Amino acid sequence: MARPRSIPDAEIFDAILGLMAEVGAAGVSFGAVSKLCGLAPASLVQRYGDRAGMVRAAMAHGWAGLAVASDALAAREETAQGFLKALGAVLLPALLRESLADPAMAEQAAAWRAGVERVLAAKMGCRAEAAAMLFAAWQGRMAWSVAGGAGFRLKDAARRLG
């Protein structure tokens, strides 16, 4: 008879995503995750097979959570700007960055992006191309804001594209 899991996968995946945010996917190891969640490295190997499988499972968990959060925010926020602002607070940049290096995860990222663009188009009453440009501007602003880029105002871009 199998032993019950003492720590839920979701808790382990959240620890892995936090570690990825700190040190990147390259810094995720069975030993590092073991220290964070308290499971022996051998238990993690038993659950996930190999390091790549563990990281991929954590990223899939991250995308599933982000999809749920995105849907909830789309229903709650009335404007495209409000939606993007709220979405920026829950988006895990490390998840997006690391997913682009993995074809299976890149598909999940692309599906999420397409969903966000559909919400933007509906909220702005604009064409899909304008929503895609707003999404790209939002992502660019998020990327450059850490480098001190404060001159760009997303609401101005939304007004021009809408």
N, C-alpha and C. Protein backbone atom coordinates (compact mmCIF):
# COMPACT_ATOMS: atom_id res chain seq x y z
N MET A 1 0.84 -1.18 0.00
CA MET A 1 0.00 0.00 0.00
C MET A 1 0.89 1.24 0.00
N ALA A 2 0.57 2.20 -0.86
CA ALA A 2 1.37 3.42 -0.97
C ALA A 2 1.17 4.31 0.25
N ARG A 3 2.25 5.00 0.61
CA ARG A 3 2.17 5.94 1.72
C ARG A 3 1.43 7.19 1.25
N PRO A 4 0.67 7.81 2.15
CA PRO A 4 -0.01 9.06 1.76
C PRO A 4 1.02 10.18 1.58
N ARG A 5 0.74 11.08 0.69
CA ARG A 5 1.62 12.23 0.49
C ARG A 5 1.42 13.19 1.65
N SER A 6 2.51 13.57 2.26
CA SER A 6 2.41 14.45 3.41
C SER A 6 2.36 15.92 3.02
N ILE A 7 2.82 16.25 1.85
CA ILE A 7 2.79 17.63 1.37
C ILE A 7 2.13 17.62 -0.01
N PRO A 8 1.08 18.41 -0.19
CA PRO A 8 0.40 18.42 -1.49
C PRO A 8 1.31 18.94 -2.61
N ASP A 9 1.09 18.43 -3.80
CA ASP A 9 1.86 18.88 -4.96
C ASP A 9 1.80 20.40 -5.11
N ALA A 10 0.63 20.99 -4.92
CA ALA A 10 0.48 22.43 -5.10
C ALA A 10 1.43 23.21 -4.21
N GLU A 11 1.64 22.75 -3.00
CA GLU A 11 2.56 23.41 -2.07
C GLU A 11 4.00 23.30 -2.58
N ILE A 12 4.35 22.15 -3.10
CA ILE A 12 5.69 21.94 -3.65
C ILE A 12 5.87 22.82 -4.90
N PHE A 13 4.87 22.84 -5.75
CA PHE A 13 4.95 23.63 -6.97
C PHE A 13 5.09 25.12 -6.66
N ASP A 14 4.36 25.60 -5.66
CA ASP A 14 4.49 27.00 -5.27
C ASP A 14 5.90 27.30 -4.78
N ALA A 15 6.49 26.37 -4.06
CA ALA A 15 7.87 26.54 -3.60
C ALA A 15 8.83 26.59 -4.80
N ILE A 16 8.60 25.72 -5.77
CA ILE A 16 9.45 25.70 -6.96
C ILE A 16 9.32 27.01 -7.74
N LEU A 17 8.09 27.50 -7.91
CA LEU A 17 7.89 28.75 -8.63
C LEU A 17 8.55 29.92 -7.90
N GLY A 18 8.50 29.91 -6.58
CA GLY A 18 9.19 30.93 -5.80
C GLY A 18 10.69 30.86 -5.99
N LEU A 19 11.21 29.66 -5.99
CA LEU A 19 12.64 29.46 -6.22
C LEU A 19 13.04 29.92 -7.62
N MET A 20 12.20 29.60 -8.60
CA MET A 20 12.47 30.05 -9.97
C MET A 20 12.50 31.57 -10.06
N ALA A 21 11.62 32.23 -9.30
CA ALA A 21 11.60 33.69 -9.31
C ALA A 21 12.89 34.25 -8.73
N GLU A 22 13.44 33.56 -7.76
CA GLU A 22 14.68 34.01 -7.11
C GLU A 22 15.92 33.73 -7.92
N VAL A 23 16.05 32.49 -8.42
CA VAL A 23 17.32 32.06 -9.02
C VAL A 23 17.19 31.54 -10.45
N GLY A 24 15.98 31.49 -10.98
CA GLY A 24 15.79 30.94 -12.32
C GLY A 24 15.65 29.43 -12.28
N ALA A 25 15.19 28.87 -13.37
CA ALA A 25 14.96 27.43 -13.44
C ALA A 25 16.26 26.64 -13.26
N ALA A 26 17.38 27.21 -13.68
CA ALA A 26 18.66 26.50 -13.55
C ALA A 26 19.02 26.25 -12.09
N GLY A 27 18.50 27.06 -11.19
CA GLY A 27 18.80 26.91 -9.77
C GLY A 27 17.87 25.96 -9.04
N VAL A 28 16.90 25.40 -9.75
CA VAL A 28 15.97 24.46 -9.13
C VAL A 28 16.59 23.07 -9.15
N SER A 29 16.75 22.50 -7.99
CA SER A 29 17.30 21.15 -7.87
C SER A 29 16.48 20.40 -6.83
N PHE A 30 16.62 19.08 -6.82
CA PHE A 30 15.92 18.29 -5.81
C PHE A 30 16.36 18.72 -4.41
N GLY A 31 17.63 19.00 -4.24
CA GLY A 31 18.14 19.41 -2.94
C GLY A 31 17.56 20.74 -2.49
N ALA A 32 17.52 21.72 -3.40
CA ALA A 32 16.98 23.04 -3.07
C ALA A 32 15.49 22.97 -2.74
N VAL A 33 14.75 22.21 -3.52
CA VAL A 33 13.31 22.07 -3.28
C VAL A 33 13.08 21.30 -1.98
N SER A 34 13.91 20.32 -1.71
CA SER A 34 13.82 19.55 -0.47
C SER A 34 13.94 20.47 0.74
N LYS A 35 14.89 21.39 0.69
CA LYS A 35 15.08 22.33 1.80
C LYS A 35 13.88 23.23 1.99
N LEU A 36 13.23 23.61 0.88
CA LEU A 36 12.08 24.50 0.97
C LEU A 36 10.82 23.82 1.49
N CYS A 37 10.61 22.58 1.08
CA CYS A 37 9.34 21.94 1.42
C CYS A 37 9.45 20.85 2.47
N GLY A 38 10.65 20.41 2.78
CA GLY A 38 10.81 19.42 3.85
C GLY A 38 10.72 17.97 3.42
N LEU A 39 10.52 17.71 2.14
CA LEU A 39 10.52 16.33 1.65
C LEU A 39 11.94 15.94 1.28
N ALA A 40 12.26 14.69 1.44
CA ALA A 40 13.58 14.19 1.06
C ALA A 40 13.72 14.26 -0.46
N PRO A 41 14.92 14.54 -0.96
CA PRO A 41 15.12 14.55 -2.41
C PRO A 41 14.64 13.27 -3.08
N ALA A 42 14.86 12.12 -2.43
CA ALA A 42 14.41 10.85 -3.01
C ALA A 42 12.89 10.82 -3.17
N SER A 43 12.17 11.43 -2.25
CA SER A 43 10.70 11.49 -2.36
C SER A 43 10.29 12.34 -3.56
N LEU A 44 11.03 13.41 -3.78
CA LEU A 44 10.73 14.26 -4.94
C LEU A 44 11.02 13.53 -6.25
N VAL A 45 12.11 12.78 -6.27
CA VAL A 45 12.44 11.97 -7.45
C VAL A 45 11.33 10.95 -7.68
N GLN A 46 10.87 10.35 -6.62
CA GLN A 46 9.81 9.33 -6.73
C GLN A 46 8.53 9.95 -7.29
N ARG A 47 8.21 11.17 -6.88
CA ARG A 47 7.00 11.84 -7.35
C ARG A 47 7.09 12.30 -8.79
N TYR A 48 8.22 12.91 -9.14
CA TYR A 48 8.30 13.64 -10.41
C TYR A 48 9.27 13.05 -11.43
N GLY A 49 9.98 11.99 -11.06
CA GLY A 49 10.87 11.33 -12.01
C GLY A 49 12.23 11.99 -12.12
N ASP A 50 12.27 13.13 -12.76
CA ASP A 50 13.55 13.83 -12.90
C ASP A 50 13.32 15.32 -12.68
N ARG A 51 14.42 16.05 -12.67
CA ARG A 51 14.37 17.49 -12.40
C ARG A 51 13.50 18.22 -13.43
N ALA A 52 13.67 17.88 -14.70
CA ALA A 52 12.89 18.52 -15.76
C ALA A 52 11.40 18.25 -15.58
N GLY A 53 11.04 17.05 -15.20
CA GLY A 53 9.64 16.72 -14.95
C GLY A 53 9.07 17.51 -13.77
N MET A 54 9.89 17.68 -12.74
CA MET A 54 9.45 18.44 -11.57
C MET A 54 9.23 19.91 -11.94
N VAL A 55 10.16 20.48 -12.69
CA VAL A 55 10.05 21.88 -13.08
C VAL A 55 8.86 22.07 -14.03
N ARG A 56 8.70 21.17 -14.98
CA ARG A 56 7.59 21.27 -15.93
C ARG A 56 6.24 21.15 -15.20
N ALA A 57 6.15 20.26 -14.23
CA ALA A 57 4.90 20.12 -13.47
C ALA A 57 4.61 21.40 -12.69
N ALA A 58 5.63 22.01 -12.13
CA ALA A 58 5.44 23.26 -11.39
C ALA A 58 4.99 24.38 -12.34
N MET A 59 5.59 24.43 -13.52
CA MET A 59 5.19 25.46 -14.48
C MET A 59 3.75 25.24 -14.96
N ALA A 60 3.36 23.99 -15.19
CA ALA A 60 1.98 23.70 -15.59
C ALA A 60 1.01 24.15 -14.49
N HIS A 61 1.40 23.90 -13.25
CA HIS A 61 0.60 24.36 -12.10
C HIS A 61 0.50 25.89 -12.11
N GLY A 62 1.62 26.56 -12.39
CA GLY A 62 1.62 28.02 -12.45
C GLY A 62 0.71 28.56 -13.52
N TRP A 63 0.75 27.93 -14.71
CA TRP A 63 -0.12 28.39 -15.80
C TRP A 63 -1.60 28.14 -15.49
N ALA A 64 -1.89 27.01 -14.87
CA ALA A 64 -3.29 26.73 -14.49
C ALA A 64 -3.79 27.78 -13.50
N GLY A 65 -2.97 28.11 -12.52
CA GLY A 65 -3.35 29.12 -11.54
C GLY A 65 -3.50 30.49 -12.17
N LEU A 66 -2.62 30.82 -13.10
CA LEU A 66 -2.70 32.11 -13.77
C LEU A 66 -3.94 32.20 -14.66
N ALA A 67 -4.31 31.09 -15.28
CA ALA A 67 -5.53 31.08 -16.10
C ALA A 67 -6.76 31.33 -15.24
N VAL A 68 -6.83 30.71 -14.09
CA VAL A 68 -7.96 30.91 -13.17
C VAL A 68 -8.00 32.37 -12.70
N ALA A 69 -6.84 32.89 -12.30
CA ALA A 69 -6.76 34.28 -11.85
C ALA A 69 -7.14 35.24 -12.97
N SER A 70 -6.69 34.97 -14.18
CA SER A 70 -7.00 35.83 -15.33
C SER A 70 -8.50 35.86 -15.58
N ASP A 71 -9.14 34.71 -15.53
CA ASP A 71 -10.59 34.64 -15.74
C ASP A 71 -11.34 35.43 -14.66
N ALA A 72 -10.91 35.29 -13.42
CA ALA A 72 -11.55 36.02 -12.33
C ALA A 72 -11.37 37.52 -12.49
N LEU A 73 -10.18 37.94 -12.87
CA LEU A 73 -9.92 39.37 -13.06
C LEU A 73 -10.69 39.92 -14.25
N ALA A 74 -10.82 39.13 -15.31
CA ALA A 74 -11.58 39.57 -16.48
C ALA A 74 -13.03 39.82 -16.11
N ALA A 75 -13.58 38.99 -15.23
CA ALA A 75 -14.97 39.17 -14.80
C ALA A 75 -15.12 40.35 -13.84
N ARG A 76 -14.09 40.61 -13.06
CA ARG A 76 -14.17 41.65 -12.02
C ARG A 76 -13.85 43.05 -12.54
N GLU A 77 -12.86 43.16 -13.38
CA GLU A 77 -12.40 44.47 -13.85
C GLU A 77 -13.22 44.93 -15.05
N GLU A 78 -13.65 46.19 -15.01
CA GLU A 78 -14.49 46.71 -16.08
C GLU A 78 -13.71 47.22 -17.29
N THR A 79 -12.51 47.71 -17.08
CA THR A 79 -11.75 48.31 -18.17
C THR A 79 -10.53 47.46 -18.51
N ALA A 80 -10.03 47.66 -19.71
CA ALA A 80 -8.81 46.97 -20.13
C ALA A 80 -7.64 47.37 -19.24
N GLN A 81 -7.55 48.65 -18.92
CA GLN A 81 -6.46 49.13 -18.07
C GLN A 81 -6.53 48.52 -16.68
N GLY A 82 -7.73 48.46 -16.11
CA GLY A 82 -7.90 47.85 -14.79
C GLY A 82 -7.55 46.37 -14.81
N PHE A 83 -7.95 45.70 -15.88
CA PHE A 83 -7.65 44.28 -16.04
C PHE A 83 -6.14 44.06 -16.09
N LEU A 84 -5.43 44.84 -16.92
CA LEU A 84 -3.99 44.66 -17.04
C LEU A 84 -3.26 45.02 -15.75
N LYS A 85 -3.71 46.05 -15.08
CA LYS A 85 -3.08 46.43 -13.81
C LYS A 85 -3.23 45.31 -12.79
N ALA A 86 -4.42 44.76 -12.67
CA ALA A 86 -4.65 43.67 -11.73
C ALA A 86 -3.90 42.42 -12.16
N LEU A 87 -3.84 42.16 -13.44
CA LEU A 87 -3.13 41.00 -13.96
C LEU A 87 -1.63 41.11 -13.69
N GLY A 88 -1.10 42.30 -13.80
CA GLY A 88 0.32 42.51 -13.52
C GLY A 88 0.69 42.16 -12.09
N ALA A 89 -0.27 42.28 -11.18
CA ALA A 89 0.00 41.97 -9.78
C ALA A 89 0.07 40.46 -9.52
N VAL A 90 -0.53 39.65 -10.40
CA VAL A 90 -0.52 38.20 -10.18
C VAL A 90 0.38 37.45 -11.16
N LEU A 91 0.83 38.12 -12.20
CA LEU A 91 1.69 37.48 -13.20
C LEU A 91 3.05 37.15 -12.58
N LEU A 92 3.53 35.97 -12.85
CA LEU A 92 4.85 35.55 -12.37
C LEU A 92 5.83 35.68 -13.53
N PRO A 93 6.63 36.77 -13.55
CA PRO A 93 7.56 36.95 -14.67
C PRO A 93 8.48 35.76 -14.90
N ALA A 94 8.89 35.10 -13.81
CA ALA A 94 9.78 33.94 -13.97
C ALA A 94 9.07 32.81 -14.71
N LEU A 95 7.78 32.64 -14.46
CA LEU A 95 7.01 31.61 -15.16
C LEU A 95 7.00 31.89 -16.66
N LEU A 96 6.73 33.12 -17.01
CA LEU A 96 6.71 33.49 -18.42
C LEU A 96 8.10 33.31 -19.04
N ARG A 97 9.12 33.83 -18.39
CA ARG A 97 10.48 33.76 -18.91
C ARG A 97 10.93 32.31 -19.11
N GLU A 98 10.73 31.49 -18.10
CA GLU A 98 11.20 30.10 -18.16
C GLU A 98 10.36 29.26 -19.12
N SER A 99 9.09 29.61 -19.29
CA SER A 99 8.22 28.84 -20.17
C SER A 99 8.60 28.97 -21.63
N LEU A 100 9.16 30.10 -21.99
CA LEU A 100 9.50 30.33 -23.39
C LEU A 100 10.63 29.42 -23.86
N ALA A 101 11.38 28.83 -22.94
CA ALA A 101 12.47 27.93 -23.30
C ALA A 101 12.01 26.48 -23.45
N ASP A 102 10.76 26.20 -23.11
CA ASP A 102 10.22 24.84 -23.15
C ASP A 102 9.03 24.83 -24.10
N PRO A 103 9.10 24.09 -25.22
CA PRO A 103 8.02 24.14 -26.21
C PRO A 103 6.63 23.84 -25.66
N ALA A 104 6.51 22.87 -24.76
CA ALA A 104 5.19 22.56 -24.20
C ALA A 104 4.68 23.70 -23.34
N MET A 105 5.56 24.30 -22.57
CA MET A 105 5.15 25.41 -21.73
C MET A 105 4.93 26.67 -22.55
N ALA A 106 5.68 26.82 -23.64
CA ALA A 106 5.49 27.97 -24.52
C ALA A 106 4.09 27.93 -25.12
N GLU A 107 3.57 26.75 -25.39
CA GLU A 107 2.20 26.62 -25.89
C GLU A 107 1.20 27.12 -24.86
N GLN A 108 1.43 26.79 -23.59
CA GLN A 108 0.54 27.27 -22.53
C GLN A 108 0.63 28.79 -22.42
N ALA A 109 1.84 29.33 -22.54
CA ALA A 109 2.01 30.78 -22.48
C ALA A 109 1.27 31.45 -23.63
N ALA A 110 1.38 30.88 -24.82
CA ALA A 110 0.71 31.44 -25.99
C ALA A 110 -0.81 31.37 -25.84
N ALA A 111 -1.31 30.28 -25.29
CA ALA A 111 -2.75 30.15 -25.08
C ALA A 111 -3.24 31.19 -24.07
N TRP A 112 -2.47 31.40 -23.01
CA TRP A 112 -2.84 32.42 -22.01
C TRP A 112 -2.84 33.81 -22.65
N ARG A 113 -1.78 34.11 -23.43
CA ARG A 113 -1.70 35.41 -24.11
C ARG A 113 -2.91 35.62 -25.02
N ALA A 114 -3.28 34.60 -25.78
CA ALA A 114 -4.44 34.72 -26.67
C ALA A 114 -5.71 35.01 -25.88
N GLY A 115 -5.86 34.37 -24.73
CA GLY A 115 -7.02 34.63 -23.89
C GLY A 115 -7.04 36.05 -23.35
N VAL A 116 -5.88 36.54 -22.93
CA VAL A 116 -5.79 37.92 -22.45
C VAL A 116 -6.12 38.89 -23.58
N GLU A 117 -5.62 38.61 -24.76
CA GLU A 117 -5.90 39.49 -25.90
C GLU A 117 -7.39 39.50 -26.24
N ARG A 118 -8.06 38.35 -26.13
CA ARG A 118 -9.52 38.31 -26.37
C ARG A 118 -10.25 39.18 -25.35
N VAL A 119 -9.85 39.11 -24.10
CA VAL A 119 -10.46 39.94 -23.06
C VAL A 119 -10.23 41.41 -23.37
N LEU A 120 -9.01 41.77 -23.74
CA LEU A 120 -8.70 43.16 -24.05
C LEU A 120 -9.55 43.66 -25.22
N ALA A 121 -9.66 42.86 -26.26
CA ALA A 121 -10.47 43.26 -27.42
C ALA A 121 -11.92 43.48 -27.02
N ALA A 122 -12.46 42.61 -26.20
CA ALA A 122 -13.85 42.75 -25.75
C ALA A 122 -14.03 43.98 -24.87
N LYS A 123 -13.11 44.22 -23.96
CA LYS A 123 -13.24 45.35 -23.05
C LYS A 123 -13.04 46.69 -23.77
N MET A 124 -12.21 46.69 -24.80
CA MET A 124 -11.93 47.92 -25.53
C MET A 124 -12.83 48.10 -26.75
N GLY A 125 -13.51 47.02 -27.15
CA GLY A 125 -14.33 47.09 -28.35
C GLY A 125 -13.49 47.36 -29.59
N CYS A 126 -12.34 46.67 -29.67
CA CYS A 126 -11.41 46.92 -30.78
C CYS A 126 -11.10 45.61 -31.50
N ARG A 127 -10.35 45.74 -32.58
CA ARG A 127 -9.92 44.58 -33.35
C ARG A 127 -8.89 43.78 -32.56
N ALA A 128 -8.72 42.54 -32.97
CA ALA A 128 -7.76 41.65 -32.33
C ALA A 128 -6.34 42.19 -32.45
N GLU A 129 -6.02 42.82 -33.59
CA GLU A 129 -4.67 43.36 -33.79
C GLU A 129 -4.36 44.46 -32.78
N ALA A 130 -5.32 45.31 -32.48
CA ALA A 130 -5.11 46.38 -31.51
C ALA A 130 -4.92 45.79 -30.10
N ALA A 131 -5.68 44.76 -29.80
CA ALA A 131 -5.54 44.11 -28.49
C ALA A 131 -4.16 43.45 -28.38
N ALA A 132 -3.68 42.86 -29.48
CA ALA A 132 -2.35 42.24 -29.47
C ALA A 132 -1.27 43.30 -29.26
N MET A 133 -1.44 44.47 -29.88
CA MET A 133 -0.46 45.54 -29.69
C MET A 133 -0.48 46.06 -28.26
N LEU A 134 -1.66 46.16 -27.67
CA LEU A 134 -1.75 46.61 -26.28
C LEU A 134 -1.09 45.59 -25.35
N PHE A 135 -1.33 44.30 -25.62
CA PHE A 135 -0.69 43.26 -24.81
C PHE A 135 0.84 43.39 -24.91
N ALA A 136 1.35 43.57 -26.13
CA ALA A 136 2.79 43.71 -26.32
C ALA A 136 3.32 44.94 -25.61
N ALA A 137 2.59 46.05 -25.68
CA ALA A 137 3.00 47.27 -24.98
C ALA A 137 3.02 47.04 -23.47
N TRP A 138 2.03 46.35 -22.96
CA TRP A 138 1.95 46.05 -21.53
C TRP A 138 3.13 45.19 -21.10
N GLN A 139 3.43 44.14 -21.87
CA GLN A 139 4.55 43.28 -21.54
C GLN A 139 5.87 44.05 -21.61
N GLY A 140 6.01 44.89 -22.62
CA GLY A 140 7.22 45.70 -22.73
C GLY A 140 7.36 46.67 -21.57
N ARG A 141 6.27 47.25 -21.18
CA ARG A 141 6.30 48.18 -20.03
C ARG A 141 6.71 47.44 -18.77
N MET A 142 6.16 46.24 -18.59
CA MET A 142 6.52 45.46 -17.40
C MET A 142 8.01 45.12 -17.42
N ALA A 143 8.51 44.75 -18.58
CA ALA A 143 9.92 44.37 -18.67
C ALA A 143 10.84 45.56 -18.42
N TRP A 144 10.49 46.72 -18.96
CA TRP A 144 11.37 47.88 -18.85
C TRP A 144 11.15 48.67 -17.57
N SER A 145 10.06 48.46 -16.89
CA SER A 145 9.83 49.22 -15.65
C SER A 145 10.87 48.90 -14.59
N VAL A 146 11.41 47.69 -14.61
CA VAL A 146 12.45 47.34 -13.65
C VAL A 146 13.75 48.09 -13.94
N ALA A 147 13.87 48.61 -15.16
CA ALA A 147 15.07 49.37 -15.53
C ALA A 147 14.84 50.87 -15.41
N GLY A 148 13.74 51.26 -14.79
CA GLY A 148 13.47 52.67 -14.55
C GLY A 148 12.71 53.38 -15.65
N GLY A 149 12.13 52.63 -16.57
CA GLY A 149 11.36 53.25 -17.66
C GLY A 149 10.00 53.71 -17.18
N ALA A 150 9.89 54.99 -16.80
CA ALA A 150 8.64 55.48 -16.23
C ALA A 150 7.87 56.40 -17.18
N GLY A 151 8.38 56.67 -18.38
CA GLY A 151 7.75 57.64 -19.26
C GLY A 151 6.54 57.12 -20.00
N PHE A 152 6.39 55.84 -20.16
CA PHE A 152 5.32 55.24 -20.95
C PHE A 152 4.08 55.03 -20.10
N ARG A 153 2.94 55.49 -20.59
CA ARG A 153 1.68 55.31 -19.85
C ARG A 153 0.77 54.39 -20.65
N LEU A 154 0.45 53.24 -20.07
CA LEU A 154 -0.34 52.23 -20.74
C LEU A 154 -1.73 52.77 -21.10
N LYS A 155 -2.31 53.58 -20.25
CA LYS A 155 -3.65 54.06 -20.55
C LYS A 155 -3.66 54.96 -21.80
N ASP A 156 -2.55 55.66 -22.06
CA ASP A 156 -2.47 56.46 -23.28
C ASP A 156 -2.45 55.57 -24.51
N ALA A 157 -1.68 54.48 -24.43
CA ALA A 157 -1.63 53.53 -25.55
C ALA A 157 -2.98 52.89 -25.76
N ALA A 158 -3.67 52.54 -24.69
CA ALA A 158 -5.00 51.91 -24.82
C ALA A 158 -5.96 52.87 -25.48
N ARG A 159 -5.89 54.14 -25.13
CA ARG A 159 -6.79 55.14 -25.70
C ARG A 159 -6.54 55.27 -27.21
N ARG A 160 -5.27 55.27 -27.61
CA ARG A 160 -4.93 55.42 -29.03
C ARG A 160 -5.32 54.19 -29.83
N LEU A 161 -5.22 53.00 -29.21
CA LEU A 161 -5.53 51.77 -29.94
C LEU A 161 -7.02 51.48 -29.98
N GLY A 162 -7.77 51.95 -29.01
CA GLY A 162 -9.19 51.65 -28.88
C GLY A 162 -10.04 52.29 -29.85
